Amino acid sequence: MITCDEFMSDLGNYLEGDAAAEVRRQIENHLAHCRTCQVIYDSTRKTVRLVTDSDSFDLPDKAAKQIVARIMASARKNAQF
């Protein structure tokens, strides 16, 4: 089973659908057993959906990736495992 740190480092790719099949399986297995990561995943997924579905602004791909990277770095820093 992957660790919480490994989950956090792979979460962005998982949410974007870019994770390899084995990584997806490991993440889903981890989520089935770790309540903390379930909350992080659910909150992140909902936030991304709200921003994406709002159509209130258009960001260049580079800017969007930088923002996601900063959010993920902050989440990893603030997560207490």
Foldseek 3Di string as FASTA:
>chain_A
DDDPLLLLVCLVCVLVVNDDPVVVVVNVVVCVPDPLVVVVSVVVNVVVCCVVVVPPDDDDPVVVVVVVVVVSVVCSVPRDD
